[in-house]
Protein backbone atom coordinates (compact mmCIF):
# COMPACT_ATOMS: atom_id res chain seq x y z
CA ARG A 1 0.00 0.00 0.00
CA VAL A 2 0.98 3.66 -0.15
CA GLN A 3 3.70 4.53 2.34
CA LEU A 4 5.30 7.88 3.05
CA VAL A 5 8.38 8.29 5.22
CA GLU A 6 9.72 11.71 6.18
CA SER A 7 13.29 12.47 7.20
CA GLY A 8 15.64 15.40 7.63
CA GLY A 9 14.13 16.99 10.71
CA ASP A 10 16.67 18.50 13.09
CA SER A 11 17.38 21.26 15.58
CA VAL A 12 18.71 24.40 13.89
CA GLN A 13 19.44 28.01 14.73
CA ALA A 14 17.17 30.79 13.55
CA GLY A 15 18.24 32.00 10.14
CA GLY A 16 19.54 28.58 9.18
CA SER A 17 18.39 26.14 6.52
CA LEU A 18 17.11 22.60 6.43
CA ARG A 19 15.90 20.21 3.75
CA LEU A 20 13.19 17.68 4.50
CA SER A 21 12.63 14.57 2.42
CA CYS A 22 9.63 12.30 1.98
CA VAL A 23 10.15 8.95 0.31
CA GLY A 24 7.07 7.47 -1.32
CA SER A 25 6.44 3.83 -2.15
CA GLY A 26 3.58 1.58 -3.18
CA TYR A 27 2.05 3.96 -5.72
CA THR A 28 2.66 5.79 -8.98
CA PHE A 29 4.43 8.79 -7.55
CA SER A 30 3.93 11.09 -10.53
CA SER A 31 0.13 10.67 -10.45
CA TYR A 32 -0.34 12.23 -7.02
CA SER A 33 -0.54 15.71 -5.61
CA MET A 34 1.89 16.07 -2.74
CA GLY A 35 2.03 18.39 0.21
CA TRP A 36 3.89 19.38 3.35
CA PHE A 37 2.12 20.15 6.61
CA ARG A 38 3.27 21.03 10.08
CA GLN A 39 1.88 20.90 13.58
CA ALA A 40 3.19 22.60 16.70
CA PRO A 41 2.14 21.45 20.20
CA GLY A 42 -1.37 22.67 20.91
CA ASN A 43 -1.93 23.81 17.34
CA GLU A 44 -3.89 22.36 14.46
CA ARG A 45 -2.10 20.85 11.52
CA GLU A 46 -1.56 23.49 8.84
CA GLY A 47 -0.63 23.33 5.20
CA VAL A 48 2.82 24.63 4.35
CA ALA A 49 3.35 23.80 0.69
CA GLY A 50 1.78 21.74 -2.06
CA ILE A 51 2.54 20.64 -5.59
CA TRP A 52 0.31 19.36 -8.38
CA PRO A 53 1.29 16.42 -10.61
CA ALA A 54 2.18 16.84 -14.29
CA THR A 55 2.25 20.64 -14.27
CA GLY A 56 4.40 20.91 -11.16
CA ARG A 57 2.49 23.99 -10.01
CA THR A 58 3.35 24.88 -6.44
CA PHE A 59 1.42 26.45 -3.60
CA TYR A 60 2.66 28.03 -0.38
CA ALA A 61 1.28 29.33 2.85
CA ASP A 62 1.82 33.08 3.15
CA SER A 63 3.98 32.55 6.21
CA VAL A 64 6.61 30.59 4.27
CA LYS A 65 6.37 32.10 0.79
CA GLY A 66 9.79 33.20 -0.40
CA ARG A 67 11.57 31.08 2.20
CA PHE A 68 10.43 27.50 1.49
CA THR A 69 10.54 25.56 -1.76
CA ILE A 70 8.69 22.32 -2.48
CA SER A 71 9.97 20.04 -5.23
CA LEU A 72 9.64 16.50 -6.58
CA ASN A 73 12.12 13.95 -7.82
CA ASN A 74 9.91 11.49 -9.69
CA THR A 75 12.76 9.11 -10.48
CA LYS A 76 13.70 8.65 -6.84
CA LYS A 77 10.11 9.10 -5.65
CA ILE A 78 11.15 11.74 -3.17
CA LEU A 79 9.35 14.91 -2.16
CA TYR A 80 11.52 17.72 -0.79
CA LEU A 81 10.95 20.82 1.26
CA GLN A 82 13.86 23.25 1.24
CA MET A 83 13.52 25.59 4.18
CA ASN A 84 15.61 28.76 4.37
CA SER A 85 15.70 31.67 6.81
CA LEU A 86 14.09 29.50 9.45
CA GLN A 87 12.28 31.17 12.32
CA ARG A 88 11.09 29.96 15.72
CA GLU A 89 7.56 29.92 14.33
CA ASP A 90 8.60 27.19 11.92
CA THR A 91 9.06 24.73 14.79
CA GLY A 92 6.84 21.68 14.66
CA ILE A 93 6.35 18.19 13.36
CA TYR A 94 6.38 18.18 9.58
CA TYR A 95 4.29 15.69 7.65
CA CYS A 96 4.18 14.84 3.98
CA ALA A 97 0.94 13.84 2.31
CA ALA A 98 -0.24 12.39 -1.00
CA HIS A 99 -3.54 12.69 -2.85
CA PHE A 100 -4.50 10.82 -6.00
CA ARG A 101 -4.27 13.18 -8.96
CA TRP A 102 -5.42 16.77 -8.55
CA ILE A 103 -6.46 18.20 -5.21
CA ARG A 104 -8.33 21.50 -5.49
CA GLU A 105 -6.96 22.93 -2.26
CA PRO A 106 -3.34 21.75 -1.94
CA LEU A 107 -2.92 23.30 1.51
CA SER A 108 -5.98 21.60 2.97
CA THR A 109 -5.80 18.45 5.09
CA GLY A 110 -7.95 16.42 2.71
CA TYR A 111 -5.13 14.23 1.44
CA ASP A 112 -5.50 10.47 1.10
CA TYR A 113 -2.22 9.38 2.68
CA TRP A 114 0.07 10.69 5.38
CA GLY A 115 3.54 10.04 6.71
CA ARG A 116 4.34 9.83 10.40
CA GLY A 117 6.24 13.10 10.55
CA THR A 118 9.72 14.45 11.24
CA HIS A 119 10.54 16.93 13.98
CA VAL A 120 11.92 20.40 13.26
CA THR A 121 13.07 22.69 16.06
CA VAL A 122 14.28 26.23 15.41
CA SER A 123 15.97 28.12 18.24
CA SER A 124 18.11 31.19 18.83
C-alpha cells in the first residue's frame, strides 16, 4: 500500500536552513498531488506547501512564501521541502501527504495518505 516516510528533521538556529525529504512507495508517484504540513504542540495541523502532478504547479502558505521551496524527484520518488531563513515559528512536526491526482486545495488536510512526521526545532 501507499507509504510515506519523512526524514531530515533536526534542531537548527534561527536563520539557518534545512531540507526535509519524503520517500514514497507503493504507488505511482507522478500521479499524485503532494504536500507538506506542520503541527506545533497545541496547534492544528496546517498546510505549508503543495505541488500538483504533471504541471508541477506549487502552492505556499503566506507565512513561508519566499523562504520555502517544495519540489519533486519522480525518479527517486522523493518529495523535498527546502527551508531557508528558518524562524522559531517554523518549529513543529512536519508531515508529507499524498492525494490521487489533482487536489483543489493543496494546503488543505484532505489528502489520502500521510507520513508519520519528522521533527523540526528552530531556536536562537
